[in-house]
Amino acid sequence: PVPHPDSFSSSKMLSPPCMVACSRTCSRVLG
């Protein structure tokens, strides 16, 4: 079967750019 579009969105959420953005947000809150 053709992969569901949600699988692409979930893998995109775990991509390094998104995690970098989360790390920067965490730094702002910690500061």
PDB file of all heavy atoms in Angstrom:
ATOM      1  N   PRO A   1       0.825  -1.215   0.000  1.00  0.00           N
ATOM      2  CA  PRO A   1       0.000   0.000   0.000  1.00  0.00           C
ATOM      3  C   PRO A   1       0.856   1.261   0.000  1.00  0.00           C
ATOM      4  O   PRO A   1       2.017   1.247   0.377  1.00  0.00           O
ATOM      5  CB  PRO A   1      -0.785  -0.122   1.307  1.00  0.00           C
ATOM      6  CG  PRO A   1       0.089  -0.961   2.182  1.00  0.00           C
ATOM      7  CD  PRO A   1       0.757  -1.940   1.247  1.00  0.00           C
ATOM      8  N   VAL A   2       0.234   2.340  -0.425  1.00  0.00           N
ATOM      9  CA  VAL A   2       0.893   3.640  -0.446  1.00  0.00           C
ATOM     10  C   VAL A   2       1.009   4.168   0.975  1.00  0.00           C
ATOM     11  O   VAL A   2       0.041   4.092   1.740  1.00  0.00           O
ATOM     12  CB  VAL A   2       0.087   4.632  -1.316  1.00  0.00           C
ATOM     13  CG1 VAL A   2       0.766   6.014  -1.329  1.00  0.00           C
ATOM     14  CG2 VAL A   2      -0.034   4.085  -2.732  1.00  0.00           C
ATOM     15  N   PRO A   3       2.153   4.662   1.392  1.00  0.00           N
ATOM     16  CA  PRO A   3       2.316   5.183   2.761  1.00  0.00           C
ATOM     17  C   PRO A   3       1.347   6.306   3.049  1.00  0.00           C
ATOM     18  O   PRO A   3       1.050   7.145   2.188  1.00  0.00           O
ATOM     19  CB  PRO A   3       3.759   5.673   2.793  1.00  0.00           C
ATOM     20  CG  PRO A   3       4.434   4.943   1.682  1.00  0.00           C
ATOM     21  CD  PRO A   3       3.401   4.727   0.625  1.00  0.00           C
ATOM     22  N   HIS A   4       0.835   6.295   4.285  1.00  0.00           N
ATOM     23  CA  HIS A   4      -0.109   7.329   4.703  1.00  0.00           C
ATOM     24  C   HIS A   4       0.609   8.656   4.872  1.00  0.00           C
ATOM     25  O   HIS A   4       1.749   8.692   5.329  1.00  0.00           O
ATOM     26  CB  HIS A   4      -0.773   6.913   6.024  1.00  0.00           C
ATOM     27  CG  HIS A   4      -2.028   7.688   6.315  1.00  0.00           C
ATOM     28  ND1 HIS A   4      -2.012   8.879   7.010  1.00  0.00           N
ATOM     29  CD2 HIS A   4      -3.325   7.439   5.984  1.00  0.00           C
ATOM     30  CE1 HIS A   4      -3.257   9.328   7.111  1.00  0.00           C
ATOM     31  NE2 HIS A   4      -4.060   8.475   6.509  1.00  0.00           N
ATOM     32  N   PRO A   5      -0.051   9.787   4.553  1.00  0.00           N
ATOM     33  CA  PRO A   5       0.624  11.090   4.697  1.00  0.00           C
ATOM     34  C   PRO A   5       1.057  11.397   6.122  1.00  0.00           C
ATOM     35  O   PRO A   5       1.993  12.152   6.344  1.00  0.00           O
ATOM     36  CB  PRO A   5      -0.442  12.096   4.216  1.00  0.00           C
ATOM     37  CG  PRO A   5      -1.333  11.298   3.324  1.00  0.00           C
ATOM     38  CD  PRO A   5      -1.344   9.904   3.867  1.00  0.00           C
ATOM     39  N   ASP A   6       0.361  10.795   7.136  1.00  0.00           N
ATOM     40  CA  ASP A   6       0.732  11.083   8.526  1.00  0.00           C
ATOM     41  C   ASP A   6       2.109  10.555   8.867  1.00  0.00           C
ATOM     42  O   ASP A   6       2.797  11.096   9.738  1.00  0.00           O
ATOM     43  CB  ASP A   6      -0.295  10.474   9.492  1.00  0.00           C
ATOM     44  CG  ASP A   6      -1.646  11.165   9.378  1.00  0.00           C
ATOM     45  OD1 ASP A   6      -1.672  12.306   8.883  1.00  0.00           O
ATOM     46  OD2 ASP A   6      -2.657  10.560   9.783  1.00  0.00           O
ATOM     47  N   SER A   7       2.524   9.466   8.177  1.00  0.00           N
ATOM     48  CA  SER A   7       3.852   8.923   8.463  1.00  0.00           C
ATOM     49  C   SER A   7       4.943   9.887   8.051  1.00  0.00           C
ATOM     50  O   SER A   7       5.970  10.007   8.710  1.00  0.00           O
ATOM     51  CB  SER A   7       4.032   7.578   7.742  1.00  0.00           C
ATOM     52  OG  SER A   7       3.935   7.755   6.334  1.00  0.00           O
ATOM     53  N   PHE A   8       4.699  10.611   6.928  1.00  0.00           N
ATOM     54  CA  PHE A   8       5.677  11.610   6.506  1.00  0.00           C
ATOM     55  C   PHE A   8       5.733  12.768   7.489  1.00  0.00           C
ATOM     56  O   PHE A   8       6.786  13.286   7.803  1.00  0.00           O
ATOM     57  CB  PHE A   8       5.333  12.138   5.105  1.00  0.00           C
ATOM     58  CG  PHE A   8       5.501  11.091   4.031  1.00  0.00           C
ATOM     59  CD1 PHE A   8       4.395  10.479   3.464  1.00  0.00           C
ATOM     60  CD2 PHE A   8       6.760  10.709   3.604  1.00  0.00           C
ATOM     61  CE1 PHE A   8       4.540   9.526   2.481  1.00  0.00           C
ATOM     62  CE2 PHE A   8       6.906   9.762   2.615  1.00  0.00           C
ATOM     63  CZ  PHE A   8       5.789   9.153   2.047  1.00  0.00           C
ATOM     64  N   SER A   9       4.557  13.175   8.014  1.00  0.00           N
ATOM     65  CA  SER A   9       4.537  14.293   8.957  1.00  0.00           C
ATOM     66  C   SER A   9       5.196  13.931  10.265  1.00  0.00           C
ATOM     67  O   SER A   9       5.888  14.745  10.870  1.00  0.00           O
ATOM     68  CB  SER A   9       3.096  14.742   9.206  1.00  0.00           C
ATOM     69  OG  SER A   9       2.350  13.658   9.759  1.00  0.00           O
ATOM     70  N   SER A  10       4.999  12.653  10.720  1.00  0.00           N
ATOM     71  CA  SER A  10       5.625  12.257  11.981  1.00  0.00           C
ATOM     72  C   SER A  10       7.130  12.172  11.847  1.00  0.00           C
ATOM     73  O   SER A  10       7.876  12.557  12.752  1.00  0.00           O
ATOM     74  CB  SER A  10       5.068  10.907  12.438  1.00  0.00           C
ATOM     75  OG  SER A  10       5.363   9.915  11.461  1.00  0.00           O
ATOM     76  N   SER A  11       7.627  11.681  10.699  1.00  0.00           N
ATOM     77  CA  SER A  11       9.072  11.624  10.508  1.00  0.00           C
ATOM     78  C   SER A  11       9.664  13.018  10.356  1.00  0.00           C
ATOM     79  O   SER A  11      10.782  13.279  10.775  1.00  0.00           O
ATOM     80  CB  SER A  11       9.406  10.775   9.275  1.00  0.00           C
ATOM     81  OG  SER A  11       8.827  11.366   8.113  1.00  0.00           O
ATOM     82  N   LYS A  12       8.852  13.911   9.784  1.00  0.00           N
ATOM     83  CA  LYS A  12       9.335  15.274   9.632  1.00  0.00           C
ATOM     84  C   LYS A  12       9.441  15.976  10.974  1.00  0.00           C
ATOM     85  O   LYS A  12      10.314  16.815  11.204  1.00  0.00           O
ATOM     86  CB  LYS A  12       8.391  16.044   8.701  1.00  0.00           C
ATOM     87  CG  LYS A  12       8.898  17.423   8.325  1.00  0.00           C
ATOM     88  CD  LYS A  12       7.959  18.073   7.349  1.00  0.00           C
ATOM     89  CE  LYS A  12       8.464  19.453   6.945  1.00  0.00           C
ATOM     90  NZ  LYS A  12       7.571  20.110   5.991  1.00  0.00           N
ATOM     91  N   MET A  13       8.529  15.599  11.916  1.00  0.00           N
ATOM     92  CA  MET A  13       8.577  16.207  13.241  1.00  0.00           C
ATOM     93  C   MET A  13       9.838  15.817  13.995  1.00  0.00           C
ATOM     94  O   MET A  13      10.312  16.552  14.847  1.00  0.00           O
ATOM     95  CB  MET A  13       7.339  15.796  14.043  1.00  0.00           C
ATOM     96  CG  MET A  13       6.046  16.407  13.543  1.00  0.00           C
ATOM     97  SD  MET A  13       4.629  15.785  14.443  1.00  0.00           S
ATOM     98  CE  MET A  13       5.006  16.342  16.086  1.00  0.00           C
ATOM     99  N   LEU A  14      10.390  14.660  13.718  1.00  0.00           N
ATOM    100  CA  LEU A  14      11.584  14.188  14.408  1.00  0.00           C
ATOM    101  C   LEU A  14      12.861  14.520  13.661  1.00  0.00           C
ATOM    102  O   LEU A  14      13.920  14.022  14.015  1.00  0.00           O
ATOM    103  CB  LEU A  14      11.494  12.667  14.615  1.00  0.00           C
ATOM    104  CG  LEU A  14      10.321  12.189  15.467  1.00  0.00           C
ATOM    105  CD1 LEU A  14      10.299  10.673  15.495  1.00  0.00           C
ATOM    106  CD2 LEU A  14      10.393  12.767  16.861  1.00  0.00           C
ATOM    107  N   SER A  15      12.769  15.342  12.631  1.00  0.00           N
ATOM    108  CA  SER A  15      13.939  15.677  11.846  1.00  0.00           C
ATOM    109  C   SER A  15      14.856  16.586  12.651  1.00  0.00           C
ATOM    110  O   SER A  15      14.418  17.307  13.549  1.00  0.00           O
ATOM    111  CB  SER A  15      13.526  16.363  10.543  1.00  0.00           C
ATOM    112  OG  SER A  15      12.815  17.551  10.826  1.00  0.00           O
ATOM    113  N   PRO A  16      16.158  16.599  12.353  1.00  0.00           N
ATOM    114  CA  PRO A  16      17.107  17.430  13.101  1.00  0.00           C
ATOM    115  C   PRO A  16      16.772  18.914  13.134  1.00  0.00           C
ATOM    116  O   PRO A  16      16.932  19.544  14.179  1.00  0.00           O
ATOM    117  CB  PRO A  16      18.425  17.157  12.399  1.00  0.00           C
ATOM    118  CG  PRO A  16      18.272  15.785  11.821  1.00  0.00           C
ATOM    119  CD  PRO A  16      16.840  15.689  11.421  1.00  0.00           C
ATOM    120  N   PRO A  17      16.305  19.555  12.015  1.00  0.00           N
ATOM    121  CA  PRO A  17      15.974  20.976  12.121  1.00  0.00           C
ATOM    122  C   PRO A  17      14.903  21.278  13.153  1.00  0.00           C
ATOM    123  O   PRO A  17      14.988  22.278  13.874  1.00  0.00           O
ATOM    124  CB  PRO A  17      15.511  21.328  10.704  1.00  0.00           C
ATOM    125  CG  PRO A  17      16.178  20.330   9.820  1.00  0.00           C
ATOM    126  CD  PRO A  17      16.215  19.071  10.617  1.00  0.00           C
ATOM    127  N   CYS A  18      13.897  20.386  13.256  1.00  0.00           N
ATOM    128  CA  CYS A  18      12.838  20.615  14.245  1.00  0.00           C
ATOM    129  C   CYS A  18      13.378  20.458  15.661  1.00  0.00           C
ATOM    130  O   CYS A  18      13.003  21.207  16.569  1.00  0.00           O
ATOM    131  CB  CYS A  18      11.686  19.643  14.015  1.00  0.00           C
ATOM    132  SG  CYS A  18      10.821  19.882  12.447  1.00  0.00           S
ATOM    133  N   MET A  19      14.259  19.488  15.871  1.00  0.00           N
ATOM    134  CA  MET A  19      14.841  19.288  17.196  1.00  0.00           C
ATOM    135  C   MET A  19      15.762  20.442  17.571  1.00  0.00           C
ATOM    136  O   MET A  19      15.858  20.815  18.741  1.00  0.00           O
ATOM    137  CB  MET A  19      15.588  17.959  17.231  1.00  0.00           C
ATOM    138  CG  MET A  19      14.692  16.749  17.049  1.00  0.00           C
ATOM    139  SD  MET A  19      15.580  15.186  17.185  1.00  0.00           S
ATOM    140  CE  MET A  19      15.979  15.185  18.923  1.00  0.00           C
ATOM    141  N   VAL A  20      16.459  21.017  16.584  1.00  0.00           N
ATOM    142  CA  VAL A  20      17.291  22.184  16.849  1.00  0.00           C
ATOM    143  C   VAL A  20      16.426  23.358  17.289  1.00  0.00           C
ATOM    144  O   VAL A  20      16.769  24.100  18.227  1.00  0.00           O
ATOM    145  CB  VAL A  20      18.117  22.556  15.602  1.00  0.00           C
ATOM    146  CG1 VAL A  20      18.799  23.887  15.782  1.00  0.00           C
ATOM    147  CG2 VAL A  20      19.150  21.468  15.315  1.00  0.00           C
ATOM    148  N   ALA A  21      15.281  23.534  16.631  1.00  0.00           N
ATOM    149  CA  ALA A  21      14.370  24.611  17.010  1.00  0.00           C
ATOM    150  C   ALA A  21      13.846  24.411  18.427  1.00  0.00           C
ATOM    151  O   ALA A  21      13.728  25.366  19.196  1.00  0.00           O
ATOM    152  CB  ALA A  21      13.212  24.684  16.019  1.00  0.00           C
ATOM    153  N   CYS A  22      13.544  23.154  18.788  1.00  0.00           N
ATOM    154  CA  CYS A  22      13.090  22.863  20.156  1.00  0.00           C
ATOM    155  C   CYS A  22      14.185  23.145  21.168  1.00  0.00           C
ATOM    156  O   CYS A  22      13.923  23.648  22.261  1.00  0.00           O
ATOM    157  CB  CYS A  22      12.641  21.407  20.252  1.00  0.00           C
ATOM    158  SG  CYS A  22      11.149  21.021  19.310  1.00  0.00           S
ATOM    159  N   SER A  23      15.432  22.833  20.815  1.00  0.00           N
ATOM    160  CA  SER A  23      16.546  23.104  21.710  1.00  0.00           C
ATOM    161  C   SER A  23      16.745  24.603  21.912  1.00  0.00           C
ATOM    162  O   SER A  23      17.035  25.057  23.022  1.00  0.00           O
ATOM    163  CB  SER A  23      17.820  22.464  21.151  1.00  0.00           C
ATOM    164  OG  SER A  23      18.921  22.727  21.973  1.00  0.00           O
ATOM    165  N   ARG A  24      16.576  25.371  20.861  1.00  0.00           N
ATOM    166  CA  ARG A  24      16.701  26.819  20.988  1.00  0.00           C
ATOM    167  C   ARG A  24      15.579  27.393  21.842  1.00  0.00           C
ATOM    168  O   ARG A  24      15.804  28.293  22.659  1.00  0.00           O
ATOM    169  CB  ARG A  24      16.695  27.460  19.601  1.00  0.00           C
ATOM    170  CG  ARG A  24      17.936  27.147  18.770  1.00  0.00           C
ATOM    171  CD  ARG A  24      17.816  27.715  17.367  1.00  0.00           C
ATOM    172  NE  ARG A  24      18.972  27.366  16.553  1.00  0.00           N
ATOM    173  CZ  ARG A  24      19.085  27.652  15.256  1.00  0.00           C
ATOM    174  NH1 ARG A  24      18.091  28.280  14.629  1.00  0.00           N
ATOM    175  NH2 ARG A  24      20.171  27.292  14.588  1.00  0.00           N
ATOM    176  N   THR A  25      14.366  26.879  21.674  1.00  0.00           N
ATOM    177  CA  THR A  25      13.255  27.326  22.506  1.00  0.00           C
ATOM    178  C   THR A  25      13.502  26.997  23.969  1.00  0.00           C
ATOM    179  O   THR A  25      13.215  27.801  24.861  1.00  0.00           O
ATOM    180  CB  THR A  25      11.951  26.665  22.028  1.00  0.00           C
ATOM    181  OG1 THR A  25      11.741  26.955  20.646  1.00  0.00           O
ATOM    182  CG2 THR A  25      10.767  27.165  22.830  1.00  0.00           C
ATOM    183  N   CYS A  26      14.055  25.813  24.213  1.00  0.00           N
ATOM    184  CA  CYS A  26      14.395  25.430  25.583  1.00  0.00           C
ATOM    185  C   CYS A  26      15.438  26.364  26.174  1.00  0.00           C
ATOM    186  O   CYS A  26      15.359  26.740  27.355  1.00  0.00           O
ATOM    187  CB  CYS A  26      14.886  23.992  25.599  1.00  0.00           C
ATOM    188  SG  CYS A  26      15.239  23.332  27.239  1.00  0.00           S
ATOM    189  N   SER A  27      16.415  26.780  25.374  1.00  0.00           N
ATOM    190  CA  SER A  27      17.437  27.714  25.851  1.00  0.00           C
ATOM    191  C   SER A  27      16.829  29.064  26.205  1.00  0.00           C
ATOM    192  O   SER A  27      17.226  29.701  27.190  1.00  0.00           O
ATOM    193  CB  SER A  27      18.527  27.890  24.794  1.00  0.00           C
ATOM    194  OG  SER A  27      19.218  26.681  24.559  1.00  0.00           O
ATOM    195  N   ARG A  28      15.858  29.508  25.426  1.00  0.00           N
ATOM    196  CA  ARG A  28      15.206  30.784  25.730  1.00  0.00           C
ATOM    197  C   ARG A  28      14.461  30.717  27.049  1.00  0.00           C
ATOM    198  O   ARG A  28      14.530  31.645  27.876  1.00  0.00           O
ATOM    199  CB  ARG A  28      14.250  31.148  24.592  1.00  0.00           C
ATOM    200  CG  ARG A  28      14.935  31.362  23.252  1.00  0.00           C
ATOM    201  CD  ARG A  28      13.919  31.437  22.126  1.00  0.00           C
ATOM    202  NE  ARG A  28      14.571  31.453  20.818  1.00  0.00           N
ATOM    203  CZ  ARG A  28      13.925  31.375  19.659  1.00  0.00           C
ATOM    204  NH1 ARG A  28      12.587  31.277  19.651  1.00  0.00           N
ATOM    205  NH2 ARG A  28      14.597  31.390  18.519  1.00  0.00           N
ATOM    206  N   VAL A  29      13.728  29.614  27.272  1.00  0.00           N
ATOM    207  CA  VAL A  29      12.986  29.457  28.522  1.00  0.00           C
ATOM    208  C   VAL A  29      13.936  29.335  29.710  1.00  0.00           C
ATOM    209  O   VAL A  29      13.722  29.930  30.772  1.00  0.00           O
ATOM    210  CB  VAL A  29      12.062  28.227  28.427  1.00  0.00           C
ATOM    211  CG1 VAL A  29      11.373  27.963  29.752  1.00  0.00           C
ATOM    212  CG2 VAL A  29      11.025  28.409  27.325  1.00  0.00           C
ATOM    213  N   LEU A  30      15.024  28.572  29.525  1.00  0.00           N
ATOM    214  CA  LEU A  30      15.997  28.410  30.604  1.00  0.00           C
ATOM    215  C   LEU A  30      16.693  29.730  30.931  1.00  0.00           C
ATOM    216  O   LEU A  30      16.937  30.037  32.106  1.00  0.00           O
ATOM    217  CB  LEU A  30      17.040  27.365  30.210  1.00  0.00           C
ATOM    218  CG  LEU A  30      16.584  25.905  30.219  1.00  0.00           C
ATOM    219  CD1 LEU A  30      17.677  25.012  29.653  1.00  0.00           C
ATOM    220  CD2 LEU A  30      16.220  25.462  31.623  1.00  0.00           C
ATOM    221  N   GLY A  31      17.014  30.510  29.910  1.00  0.00           N
ATOM    222  CA  GLY A  31      17.644  31.803  30.157  1.00  0.00           C
ATOM    223  C   GLY A  31      16.743  32.740  30.945  1.00  0.00           C
ATOM    224  O   GLY A  31      17.193  33.408  31.886  1.00  0.00           O
TER     225      GLY A  31
END
